[in-house]
Amino acid sequence: MSIEEKTAVEVIVSALREDILSGRLRSGEPLRQDELASRFGTSRIPVREALRRLEAEHFVSALAQRGARVSALTLAQAMERMDIRIGLECRALRLAVPNMTELDFRRLNNILDEYDQCEGPAGWAKLNWDFHTYLYLPADRPLLLQLIQTNMAHVGRFIRETVSAESGKDRPQNEHRELLDACKAGNAELAVQLLEAHISYAQKYVAAAVRQTSQS
């Protein structure tokens, strides 16, 4: 593969991943190689490689005789990914707390202040992502953080596509404040306990909301 083709692969992967995460491409939508090649002005070679990479990240499913489609998560898979959230994020937080500085606390507090002023689920989702991302950055574990972000992206996409009801922002925001207070106090054990409870509640809420939606 030439340098130009490798560059094209990166462009296609990045663009399609963003389309999937933003909801512009929804679960089950076909990804036709000829259409993608035309869109990006390339041959099919970088398109095929890009789809293979996205398949490895579980954003795309390749079906025999049916081509590639945007992958979909089942409720069971989403619940498992939220279990994975607990494992990965609690480990990251445990490593992060001893390294946190006043600069980290100010940044996290500013995100929560913005969260207080924000109206609408889309804004809450972004700020929630920002809060958790900056919460774990002091762990200084780039590979772990990459795994966390990819996993959170899949969970967020599932929730956006399947859960119509919103839990509001008061409870998660209160839990965020308690979590930040524990971090400020340097109490990693308490912070980890609060984080696990925070994710576990979200997991139960999503499961209940999906069941309610399927019954209505």
C-alpha atoms as a PDB file:
ATOM      1  CA  MET A   1       0.000   0.000   0.000  1.00  0.00           C
ATOM      2  CA  SER A   2       1.407   3.394  -1.001  1.00  0.00           C
ATOM      3  CA  ILE A   3       1.882   6.332   1.349  1.00  0.00           C
ATOM      4  CA  GLU A   4      -1.069   8.072  -0.304  1.00  0.00           C
ATOM      5  CA  GLU A   5      -3.270   5.022   0.259  1.00  0.00           C
ATOM      6  CA  LYS A   6      -2.172   4.755   3.909  1.00  0.00           C
ATOM      7  CA  THR A   7      -3.034   8.420   4.415  1.00  0.00           C
ATOM      8  CA  ALA A   8      -6.409   7.867   2.766  1.00  0.00           C
ATOM      9  CA  VAL A   9      -7.096   4.953   5.114  1.00  0.00           C
ATOM     10  CA  GLU A  10      -6.539   7.184   8.156  1.00  0.00           C
ATOM     11  CA  VAL A  11      -8.831   9.862   6.739  1.00  0.00           C
ATOM     12  CA  ILE A  12     -11.602   7.368   5.987  1.00  0.00           C
ATOM     13  CA  VAL A  13     -11.330   5.632   9.366  1.00  0.00           C
ATOM     14  CA  SER A  14     -11.478   8.942  11.228  1.00  0.00           C
ATOM     15  CA  ALA A  15     -14.416  10.282   9.207  1.00  0.00           C
ATOM     16  CA  LEU A  16     -16.514   7.117   9.425  1.00  0.00           C
ATOM     17  CA  ARG A  17     -15.808   6.685  13.136  1.00  0.00           C
ATOM     18  CA  GLU A  18     -16.986  10.239  13.752  1.00  0.00           C
ATOM     19  CA  ASP A  19     -20.084   9.676  11.593  1.00  0.00           C
ATOM     20  CA  ILE A  20     -20.960   6.601  13.654  1.00  0.00           C
ATOM     21  CA  LEU A  21     -20.323   8.222  17.028  1.00  0.00           C
ATOM     22  CA  SER A  22     -22.290  11.344  16.118  1.00  0.00           C
ATOM     23  CA  GLY A  23     -25.269   9.329  14.903  1.00  0.00           C
ATOM     24  CA  ARG A  24     -24.990  10.419  11.269  1.00  0.00           C
ATOM     25  CA  LEU A  25     -24.500   6.727  10.515  1.00  0.00           C
ATOM     26  CA  ARG A  26     -26.782   4.542  12.595  1.00  0.00           C
ATOM     27  CA  SER A  27     -26.590   0.881  13.489  1.00  0.00           C
ATOM     28  CA  GLY A  28     -27.384  -1.401  10.575  1.00  0.00           C
ATOM     29  CA  GLU A  29     -26.706   1.136   7.829  1.00  0.00           C
ATOM     30  CA  PRO A  30     -24.843  -0.373   4.850  1.00  0.00           C
ATOM     31  CA  LEU A  31     -21.339   0.826   4.021  1.00  0.00           C
ATOM     32  CA  ARG A  32     -20.893   0.321   0.286  1.00  0.00           C
ATOM     33  CA  GLN A  33     -17.325   0.364  -0.924  1.00  0.00           C
ATOM     34  CA  ASP A  34     -18.052   2.033  -4.253  1.00  0.00           C
ATOM     35  CA  GLU A  35     -20.015   4.839  -2.599  1.00  0.00           C
ATOM     36  CA  LEU A  36     -17.300   5.388   0.005  1.00  0.00           C
ATOM     37  CA  ALA A  37     -14.572   5.393  -2.638  1.00  0.00           C
ATOM     38  CA  SER A  38     -16.504   8.068  -4.531  1.00  0.00           C
ATOM     39  CA  ARG A  39     -17.104  10.102  -1.369  1.00  0.00           C
ATOM     40  CA  PHE A  40     -13.428  10.155  -0.410  1.00  0.00           C
ATOM     41  CA  GLY A  41     -12.042  10.277  -3.943  1.00  0.00           C
ATOM     42  CA  THR A  42     -10.028   7.073  -3.635  1.00  0.00           C
ATOM     43  CA  SER A  43      -9.913   3.564  -5.004  1.00  0.00           C
ATOM     44  CA  ARG A  44     -11.530   0.696  -3.122  1.00  0.00           C
ATOM     45  CA  ILE A  45      -8.187  -0.422  -1.654  1.00  0.00           C
ATOM     46  CA  PRO A  46      -8.017   2.137   1.202  1.00  0.00           C
ATOM     47  CA  VAL A  47     -11.774   1.801   1.724  1.00  0.00           C
ATOM     48  CA  ARG A  48     -11.460  -1.956   2.294  1.00  0.00           C
ATOM     49  CA  GLU A  49      -8.571  -1.425   4.730  1.00  0.00           C
ATOM     50  CA  ALA A  50     -10.495   1.297   6.586  1.00  0.00           C
ATOM     51  CA  LEU A  51     -13.504  -0.987   6.977  1.00  0.00           C
ATOM     52  CA  ARG A  52     -11.254  -3.758   8.285  1.00  0.00           C
ATOM     53  CA  ARG A  53      -9.845  -1.411  10.908  1.00  0.00           C
ATOM     54  CA  LEU A  54     -13.296  -0.247  11.958  1.00  0.00           C
ATOM     55  CA  GLU A  55     -14.395  -3.870  12.173  1.00  0.00           C
ATOM     56  CA  ALA A  56     -11.490  -4.531  14.573  1.00  0.00           C
ATOM     57  CA  GLU A  57     -12.791  -1.625  16.693  1.00  0.00           C
ATOM     58  CA  HIS A  58     -16.317  -3.159  16.579  1.00  0.00           C
ATOM     59  CA  PHE A  59     -17.815  -0.173  14.760  1.00  0.00           C
ATOM     60  CA  VAL A  60     -18.420  -2.174  11.578  1.00  0.00           C
ATOM     61  CA  SER A  61     -19.675  -5.697  10.897  1.00  0.00           C
ATOM     62  CA  ALA A  62     -18.762  -7.523   7.697  1.00  0.00           C
ATOM     63  CA  LEU A  63     -21.415  -9.994   6.578  1.00  0.00           C
ATOM     64  CA  ALA A  64     -20.845 -12.667   3.943  1.00  0.00           C
ATOM     65  CA  GLN A  65     -22.581 -11.794   0.684  1.00  0.00           C
ATOM     66  CA  ARG A  66     -24.066  -8.686   2.294  1.00  0.00           C
ATOM     67  CA  GLY A  67     -21.092  -6.339   2.598  1.00  0.00           C
ATOM     68  CA  ALA A  68     -20.267  -4.144   5.585  1.00  0.00           C
ATOM     69  CA  ARG A  69     -22.719  -2.448   7.896  1.00  0.00           C
ATOM     70  CA  VAL A  70     -22.504  -0.235  10.956  1.00  0.00           C
ATOM     71  CA  SER A  71     -22.452  -2.647  13.872  1.00  0.00           C
ATOM     72  CA  ALA A  72     -25.165  -2.731  16.512  1.00  0.00           C
ATOM     73  CA  LEU A  73     -24.929  -3.569  20.190  1.00  0.00           C
ATOM     74  CA  THR A  74     -27.474  -5.749  21.934  1.00  0.00           C
ATOM     75  CA  LEU A  75     -28.600  -4.871  25.444  1.00  0.00           C
ATOM     76  CA  ALA A  76     -26.528  -7.762  26.793  1.00  0.00           C
ATOM     77  CA  GLN A  77     -23.421  -6.470  25.018  1.00  0.00           C
ATOM     78  CA  ALA A  78     -24.048  -2.943  26.303  1.00  0.00           C
ATOM     79  CA  MET A  79     -24.374  -4.270  29.854  1.00  0.00           C
ATOM     80  CA  GLU A  80     -21.093  -6.126  29.465  1.00  0.00           C
ATOM     81  CA  ARG A  81     -19.401  -3.002  28.159  1.00  0.00           C
ATOM     82  CA  MET A  82     -20.621  -1.148  31.243  1.00  0.00           C
ATOM     83  CA  ASP A  83     -19.074  -3.902  33.370  1.00  0.00           C
ATOM     84  CA  ILE A  84     -15.879  -3.256  31.428  1.00  0.00           C
ATOM     85  CA  ARG A  85     -16.295   0.455  32.204  1.00  0.00           C
ATOM     86  CA  ILE A  86     -16.207  -0.338  35.898  1.00  0.00           C
ATOM     87  CA  GLY A  87     -13.041  -2.392  35.590  1.00  0.00           C
ATOM     88  CA  LEU A  88     -11.118  -0.006  33.357  1.00  0.00           C
ATOM     89  CA  GLU A  89     -12.239   3.291  34.848  1.00  0.00           C
ATOM     90  CA  CYS A  90     -11.897   2.296  38.496  1.00  0.00           C
ATOM     91  CA  ARG A  91      -8.332   1.201  37.784  1.00  0.00           C
ATOM     92  CA  ALA A  92      -7.591   4.474  35.995  1.00  0.00           C
ATOM     93  CA  LEU A  93      -9.075   6.543  38.810  1.00  0.00           C
ATOM     94  CA  ARG A  94      -7.112   4.661  41.454  1.00  0.00           C
ATOM     95  CA  LEU A  95      -3.928   5.539  39.548  1.00  0.00           C
ATOM     96  CA  ALA A  96      -5.044   9.110  38.855  1.00  0.00           C
ATOM     97  CA  VAL A  97      -5.974  10.365  42.336  1.00  0.00           C
ATOM     98  CA  PRO A  98      -2.425  10.477  43.788  1.00  0.00           C
ATOM     99  CA  ASN A  99      -1.259  12.495  40.758  1.00  0.00           C
ATOM    100  CA  MET A 100      -4.039  15.109  40.767  1.00  0.00           C
ATOM    101  CA  THR A 101      -3.131  18.768  41.219  1.00  0.00           C
ATOM    102  CA  GLU A 102      -5.060  21.979  41.774  1.00  0.00           C
ATOM    103  CA  LEU A 103      -5.018  22.510  38.010  1.00  0.00           C
ATOM    104  CA  ASP A 104      -6.854  19.186  37.532  1.00  0.00           C
ATOM    105  CA  PHE A 105      -9.410  20.099  40.187  1.00  0.00           C
ATOM    106  CA  ARG A 106     -10.084  23.508  38.617  1.00  0.00           C
ATOM    107  CA  ARG A 107     -10.545  21.962  35.194  1.00  0.00           C
ATOM    108  CA  LEU A 108     -12.937  19.317  36.528  1.00  0.00           C
ATOM    109  CA  ASN A 109     -14.873  21.878  38.561  1.00  0.00           C
ATOM    110  CA  ASN A 110     -15.216  24.130  35.506  1.00  0.00           C
ATOM    111  CA  ILE A 111     -16.683  21.226  33.542  1.00  0.00           C
ATOM    112  CA  LEU A 112     -19.241  20.598  36.271  1.00  0.00           C
ATOM    113  CA  ASP A 113     -20.111  24.306  36.445  1.00  0.00           C
ATOM    114  CA  GLU A 114     -20.727  24.236  32.701  1.00  0.00           C
ATOM    115  CA  TYR A 115     -22.801  21.087  33.194  1.00  0.00           C
ATOM    116  CA  ASP A 116     -24.989  22.988  35.692  1.00  0.00           C
ATOM    117  CA  GLN A 117     -25.731  25.648  33.075  1.00  0.00           C
ATOM    118  CA  CYS A 118     -26.227  23.258  30.177  1.00  0.00           C
ATOM    119  CA  GLU A 119     -29.688  22.414  28.886  1.00  0.00           C
ATOM    120  CA  GLY A 120     -30.413  19.282  26.880  1.00  0.00           C
ATOM    121  CA  PRO A 121     -29.210  15.673  26.771  1.00  0.00           C
ATOM    122  CA  ALA A 122     -26.702  16.205  23.947  1.00  0.00           C
ATOM    123  CA  GLY A 123     -24.803  18.783  25.979  1.00  0.00           C
ATOM    124  CA  TRP A 124     -24.951  16.658  29.124  1.00  0.00           C
ATOM    125  CA  ALA A 125     -23.521  13.680  27.255  1.00  0.00           C
ATOM    126  CA  LYS A 126     -20.558  15.700  25.960  1.00  0.00           C
ATOM    127  CA  LEU A 127     -19.791  17.230  29.352  1.00  0.00           C
ATOM    128  CA  ASN A 128     -20.121  13.840  31.040  1.00  0.00           C
ATOM    129  CA  TRP A 129     -17.572  12.506  28.524  1.00  0.00           C
ATOM    130  CA  ASP A 130     -15.279  15.476  29.240  1.00  0.00           C
ATOM    131  CA  PHE A 131     -15.540  15.047  33.011  1.00  0.00           C
ATOM    132  CA  HIS A 132     -14.677  11.360  32.968  1.00  0.00           C
ATOM    133  CA  THR A 133     -11.885  11.865  30.447  1.00  0.00           C
ATOM    134  CA  TYR A 134     -10.144  14.572  32.491  1.00  0.00           C
ATOM    135  CA  LEU A 135     -10.764  12.596  35.677  1.00  0.00           C
ATOM    136  CA  TYR A 136      -8.541   9.790  34.404  1.00  0.00           C
ATOM    137  CA  LEU A 137      -5.860  11.793  32.565  1.00  0.00           C
ATOM    138  CA  PRO A 138      -3.594  12.135  35.637  1.00  0.00           C
ATOM    139  CA  ALA A 139      -3.227   8.341  35.644  1.00  0.00           C
ATOM    140  CA  ASP A 140      -0.773   8.867  32.760  1.00  0.00           C
ATOM    141  CA  ARG A 141      -1.715   5.595  31.090  1.00  0.00           C
ATOM    142  CA  PRO A 142      -2.346   6.438  27.402  1.00  0.00           C
ATOM    143  CA  LEU A 143      -3.257   2.897  26.335  1.00  0.00           C
ATOM    144  CA  LEU A 144      -5.662   2.472  29.244  1.00  0.00           C
ATOM    145  CA  LEU A 145      -7.276   5.824  28.466  1.00  0.00           C
ATOM    146  CA  GLN A 146      -7.644   4.854  24.818  1.00  0.00           C
ATOM    147  CA  LEU A 147      -9.445   1.652  25.825  1.00  0.00           C
ATOM    148  CA  ILE A 148     -11.713   3.635  28.142  1.00  0.00           C
ATOM    149  CA  GLN A 149     -12.616   6.173  25.461  1.00  0.00           C
ATOM    150  CA  THR A 150     -13.369   3.519  22.849  1.00  0.00           C
ATOM    151  CA  ASN A 151     -15.523   1.577  25.288  1.00  0.00           C
ATOM    152  CA  MET A 152     -17.372   4.711  26.417  1.00  0.00           C
ATOM    153  CA  ALA A 153     -18.007   5.588  22.772  1.00  0.00           C
ATOM    154  CA  HIS A 154     -19.774   2.287  22.165  1.00  0.00           C
ATOM    155  CA  VAL A 155     -21.853   2.619  25.321  1.00  0.00           C
ATOM    156  CA  GLY A 156     -22.815   6.190  24.455  1.00  0.00           C
ATOM    157  CA  ARG A 157     -23.861   5.188  20.951  1.00  0.00           C
ATOM    158  CA  PHE A 158     -26.062   2.393  22.308  1.00  0.00           C
ATOM    159  CA  ILE A 159     -27.761   4.710  24.779  1.00  0.00           C
ATOM    160  CA  ARG A 160     -28.373   7.387  22.161  1.00  0.00           C
ATOM    161  CA  GLU A 161     -29.956   4.912  19.743  1.00  0.00           C
ATOM    162  CA  THR A 162     -32.070   2.876  22.154  1.00  0.00           C
ATOM    163  CA  VAL A 163     -33.002   4.928  25.213  1.00  0.00           C
ATOM    164  CA  SER A 164     -35.579   7.596  24.515  1.00  0.00           C
ATOM    165  CA  ALA A 165     -36.228   8.610  28.136  1.00  0.00           C
ATOM    166  CA  GLU A 166     -33.677  10.740  29.958  1.00  0.00           C
ATOM    167  CA  SER A 167     -32.778  10.411  33.621  1.00  0.00           C
ATOM    168  CA  GLY A 168     -32.112  14.134  33.906  1.00  0.00           C
ATOM    169  CA  LYS A 169     -28.899  15.632  35.136  1.00  0.00           C
ATOM    170  CA  ASP A 170     -29.423  16.171  38.876  1.00  0.00           C
ATOM    171  CA  ARG A 171     -28.484  12.713  40.126  1.00  0.00           C
ATOM    172  CA  PRO A 172     -25.408  12.182  37.922  1.00  0.00           C
ATOM    173  CA  GLN A 173     -24.268  15.738  38.613  1.00  0.00           C
ATOM    174  CA  ASN A 174     -24.549  15.242  42.385  1.00  0.00           C
ATOM    175  CA  GLU A 175     -22.566  12.021  42.036  1.00  0.00           C
ATOM    176  CA  HIS A 176     -19.929  13.842  39.991  1.00  0.00           C
ATOM    177  CA  ARG A 177     -19.566  16.452  42.747  1.00  0.00           C
ATOM    178  CA  GLU A 178     -19.174  13.772  45.437  1.00  0.00           C
ATOM    179  CA  LEU A 179     -16.613  12.002  43.299  1.00  0.00           C
ATOM    180  CA  LEU A 180     -14.630  15.185  42.771  1.00  0.00           C
ATOM    181  CA  ASP A 181     -14.703  15.938  46.521  1.00  0.00           C
ATOM    182  CA  ALA A 182     -13.222  12.505  47.250  1.00  0.00           C
ATOM    183  CA  CYS A 183     -10.477  13.155  44.700  1.00  0.00           C
ATOM    184  CA  LYS A 184      -9.716  16.547  46.251  1.00  0.00           C
ATOM    185  CA  ALA A 185      -9.391  14.847  49.625  1.00  0.00           C
ATOM    186  CA  GLY A 186      -6.935  12.364  48.130  1.00  0.00           C
ATOM    187  CA  ASN A 187      -9.187   9.465  49.146  1.00  0.00           C
ATOM    188  CA  ALA A 188      -8.681   7.074  46.244  1.00  0.00           C
ATOM    189  CA  GLU A 189     -10.602   4.235  47.902  1.00  0.00           C
ATOM    190  CA  LEU A 190     -13.713   6.350  48.427  1.00  0.00           C
ATOM    191  CA  ALA A 191     -13.422   7.820  44.944  1.00  0.00           C
ATOM    192  CA  VAL A 192     -13.280   4.344  43.399  1.00  0.00           C
ATOM    193  CA  GLN A 193     -16.289   3.206  45.448  1.00  0.00           C
ATOM    194  CA  LEU A 194     -18.284   6.235  44.330  1.00  0.00           C
ATOM    195  CA  LEU A 195     -17.296   5.723  40.697  1.00  0.00           C
ATOM    196  CA  GLU A 196     -18.342   2.076  40.726  1.00  0.00           C
ATOM    197  CA  ALA A 197     -21.708   3.007  42.253  1.00  0.00           C
ATOM    198  CA  HIS A 198     -22.096   5.803  39.673  1.00  0.00           C
ATOM    199  CA  ILE A 199     -21.549   3.477  36.701  1.00  0.00           C
ATOM    200  CA  SER A 200     -23.606   0.651  38.254  1.00  0.00           C
ATOM    201  CA  TYR A 201     -26.613   2.923  38.681  1.00  0.00           C
ATOM    202  CA  ALA A 202     -26.313   4.082  35.067  1.00  0.00           C
ATOM    203  CA  GLN A 203     -26.150   0.444  33.987  1.00  0.00           C
ATOM    204  CA  LYS A 204     -29.360  -0.411  35.856  1.00  0.00           C
ATOM    205  CA  TYR A 205     -31.094   2.697  34.531  1.00  0.00           C
ATOM    206  CA  VAL A 206     -30.223   1.911  30.914  1.00  0.00           C
ATOM    207  CA  ALA A 207     -31.432  -1.692  31.255  1.00  0.00           C
ATOM    208  CA  ALA A 208     -34.728  -0.562  32.773  1.00  0.00           C
ATOM    209  CA  ALA A 209     -35.225   2.179  30.177  1.00  0.00           C
ATOM    210  CA  VAL A 210     -34.614  -0.234  27.286  1.00  0.00           C
ATOM    211  CA  ARG A 211     -37.110  -2.710  28.755  1.00  0.00           C
ATOM    212  CA  GLN A 212     -39.685   0.045  29.164  1.00  0.00           C
ATOM    213  CA  THR A 213     -39.154   1.261  25.611  1.00  0.00           C
ATOM    214  CA  SER A 214     -39.532  -2.272  24.196  1.00  0.00           C
ATOM    215  CA  GLN A 215     -42.815  -2.753  26.090  1.00  0.00           C
ATOM    216  CA  SER A 216     -44.389   0.541  25.052  1.00  0.00           C
END
